[in-house]
Structure formats: structure tokens, C-alpha cells
Amino acid sequence: MKKYQLILHIALKKELIIKALKIAFVVGIILNLINQGEHLLSLDMHNIHLTKLLFTFCVPFCVSMYTAITMKMKFKQDEIALVDANLRCENCNKRIFITENAKIPKCDICGNKTSWIFIK
């Protein structure tokens, strides 16, 4: 599996999308109240910048998705692998292949300090 395929596979996970939408909703409301609060609270629809309002919700969604994808790209010891993947230990460069839904092992060399990363 190529890196972009893994990113897409992770990004389309229902639970990640739902979590990112919840974060975007809460943070977006707060940011919109900070940025356009006087117009929103007085329901002054003529002075509300709709584009700014929508982008204010998009930014926390994108940041949340980026963070989740970045964290899922690191295969942590004792977690379940989302996909079949070739992994490399960041500490000692040992390589392994892990299958989808398999428990990610610790590195024989590094032990509990294992930090696996995805490789092509």
C-alpha cells in the first residue's frame, strides 16, 4: 500500500470524520463568536460574512483530520494495525511486515522503546 492510499484509508474512517466534525462544530462556534459575535448575536444577517463563517468551521475540521491522520500513520506498539503495512523502527531501522487487524509487536532490538513508521 502506498503512503497516499494509507492516508486516504485513514481519512475515510467514519469515527475520525465524526470526531473531526464534532471538534469543528464546537471550535467553529467559539471562533465565529470571537470573530463575528456582535453580528451573530444581534442576528444582523447583512453584515455576517458567510465565507468567513464557513471557513471558520473548515479550519478546525482540517486541523483535526490532519492531526488524526498523522497520529494514525505512526504504528504504536500493542495497537491494532489498520492496514497491511511495511514498517520500520525509528530507533534501529529494523523492518517488519504487519497485516491488517494484527497486534503491532515491539521491536526485538529496541523493546519497549519501539516507534514504528510506515514505509513504502
Protein backbone atom coordinates (compact mmCIF):
# COMPACT_ATOMS: atom_id res chain seq x y z
CA MET A 1 0.00 0.00 0.00
CA LYS A 2 1.35 3.40 -0.95
CA LYS A 3 1.53 6.27 1.51
CA TYR A 4 -1.27 8.30 -0.12
CA GLN A 5 -3.52 5.23 -0.12
CA LEU A 6 -2.89 4.79 3.60
CA ILE A 7 -3.67 8.47 4.21
CA LEU A 8 -6.92 8.16 2.25
CA HIS A 9 -7.83 4.93 4.04
CA ILE A 10 -7.33 6.61 7.42
CA ALA A 11 -9.08 9.85 6.39
CA LEU A 12 -12.22 7.99 5.31
CA LYS A 13 -12.68 6.23 8.65
CA LYS A 14 -16.17 7.10 9.91
CA GLU A 15 -15.11 7.57 13.54
CA LEU A 16 -12.36 10.05 12.59
CA ILE A 17 -14.71 12.09 10.42
CA ILE A 18 -17.37 12.22 13.15
CA LYS A 19 -14.81 13.27 15.77
CA ALA A 20 -13.40 15.97 13.46
CA LEU A 21 -16.93 17.26 12.75
CA LYS A 22 -17.67 17.49 16.48
CA ILE A 23 -14.44 19.39 17.10
CA ALA A 24 -15.11 21.69 14.14
CA PHE A 25 -18.62 22.39 15.42
CA VAL A 26 -17.52 23.37 18.93
CA VAL A 27 -14.36 25.26 17.95
CA GLY A 28 -16.08 26.84 14.93
CA ILE A 29 -18.86 28.27 17.10
CA ILE A 30 -16.35 29.72 19.56
CA LEU A 31 -14.20 31.23 16.81
CA ASN A 32 -17.22 32.64 14.98
CA LEU A 33 -18.43 34.26 18.19
CA ILE A 34 -14.99 35.79 18.65
CA ASN A 35 -14.73 36.96 15.03
CA GLN A 36 -18.32 38.00 14.27
CA GLY A 37 -20.05 37.78 17.64
CA GLU A 38 -21.68 41.20 17.56
CA HIS A 39 -23.35 40.45 14.21
CA LEU A 40 -24.31 36.87 15.10
CA LEU A 41 -25.80 37.69 18.49
CA SER A 42 -27.81 40.61 17.14
CA LEU A 43 -28.87 38.50 14.11
CA ASP A 44 -27.54 41.21 11.80
CA MET A 45 -27.53 38.93 8.74
CA HIS A 46 -26.50 41.67 6.30
CA ASN A 47 -23.12 42.14 7.99
CA ILE A 48 -22.28 38.48 8.61
CA HIS A 49 -19.53 37.30 6.27
CA LEU A 50 -20.79 33.89 5.18
CA THR A 51 -17.48 32.86 3.61
CA LYS A 52 -15.60 33.73 6.79
CA LEU A 53 -18.23 31.88 8.83
CA LEU A 54 -17.85 28.69 6.76
CA PHE A 55 -14.05 28.79 6.68
CA THR A 56 -14.03 29.25 10.44
CA PHE A 57 -15.66 25.81 10.68
CA CYS A 58 -13.42 24.28 8.00
CA VAL A 59 -10.12 25.16 9.66
CA PRO A 60 -10.63 23.18 12.91
CA PHE A 61 -12.01 20.27 10.86
CA CYS A 62 -8.89 20.19 8.68
CA VAL A 63 -6.54 20.56 11.64
CA SER A 64 -8.31 17.76 13.50
CA MET A 65 -8.19 15.43 10.48
CA TYR A 66 -4.52 16.23 9.84
CA THR A 67 -3.64 15.50 13.45
CA ALA A 68 -5.60 12.24 13.48
CA ILE A 69 -4.05 11.06 10.22
CA THR A 70 -0.56 11.96 11.41
CA MET A 71 -1.07 10.05 14.65
CA LYS A 72 -2.51 7.00 12.86
CA MET A 73 0.47 6.95 10.46
CA LYS A 74 2.65 6.07 13.45
CA PHE A 75 2.06 2.44 14.24
CA LYS A 76 2.26 2.16 18.02
CA GLN A 77 3.22 -0.98 19.87
CA ASP A 78 0.28 -3.12 21.07
CA GLU A 79 -2.27 -1.28 18.89
CA ILE A 80 -4.16 -2.97 16.06
CA ALA A 81 -2.91 -2.25 12.53
CA LEU A 82 -5.47 -0.51 10.31
CA VAL A 83 -3.96 -1.90 7.10
CA ASP A 84 -1.29 -4.26 5.81
CA ALA A 85 1.95 -2.30 6.03
CA ASN A 86 5.71 -2.43 5.86
CA LEU A 87 7.05 -0.78 8.99
CA ARG A 88 10.46 0.47 10.06
CA CYS A 89 11.60 1.02 13.63
CA GLU A 90 12.63 4.66 14.01
CA ASN A 91 15.30 3.73 16.55
CA CYS A 92 17.17 0.80 14.99
CA ASN A 93 15.79 0.68 11.40
CA LYS A 94 14.55 -2.91 11.74
CA ARG A 95 11.82 -3.67 9.18
CA ILE A 96 8.73 -5.82 9.56
CA PHE A 97 5.51 -6.52 7.67
CA ILE A 98 2.26 -6.29 9.64
CA THR A 99 -1.14 -7.46 8.44
CA GLU A 100 -4.42 -5.63 8.89
CA ASN A 101 -6.04 -6.18 12.31
CA ALA A 102 -2.84 -7.72 13.71
CA LYS A 103 -1.42 -6.52 17.01
CA ILE A 104 1.68 -4.39 16.42
CA PRO A 105 4.65 -6.01 18.19
CA LYS A 106 7.52 -4.41 19.99
CA CYS A 107 10.85 -4.36 18.23
CA ASP A 108 13.12 -7.28 19.18
CA ILE A 109 16.07 -4.90 19.36
CA CYS A 110 14.53 -1.78 20.95
CA GLY A 111 11.99 -3.48 23.20
CA ASN A 112 9.54 -1.09 24.84
CA LYS A 113 11.06 1.95 23.12
CA THR A 114 9.63 0.82 19.76
CA SER A 115 8.41 3.51 17.41
CA TRP A 116 7.25 2.08 14.06
CA ILE A 117 6.75 4.23 10.96
CA PHE A 118 5.13 3.34 7.65
CA ILE A 119 7.41 2.74 4.67
CA LYS A 120 6.58 2.00 1.04
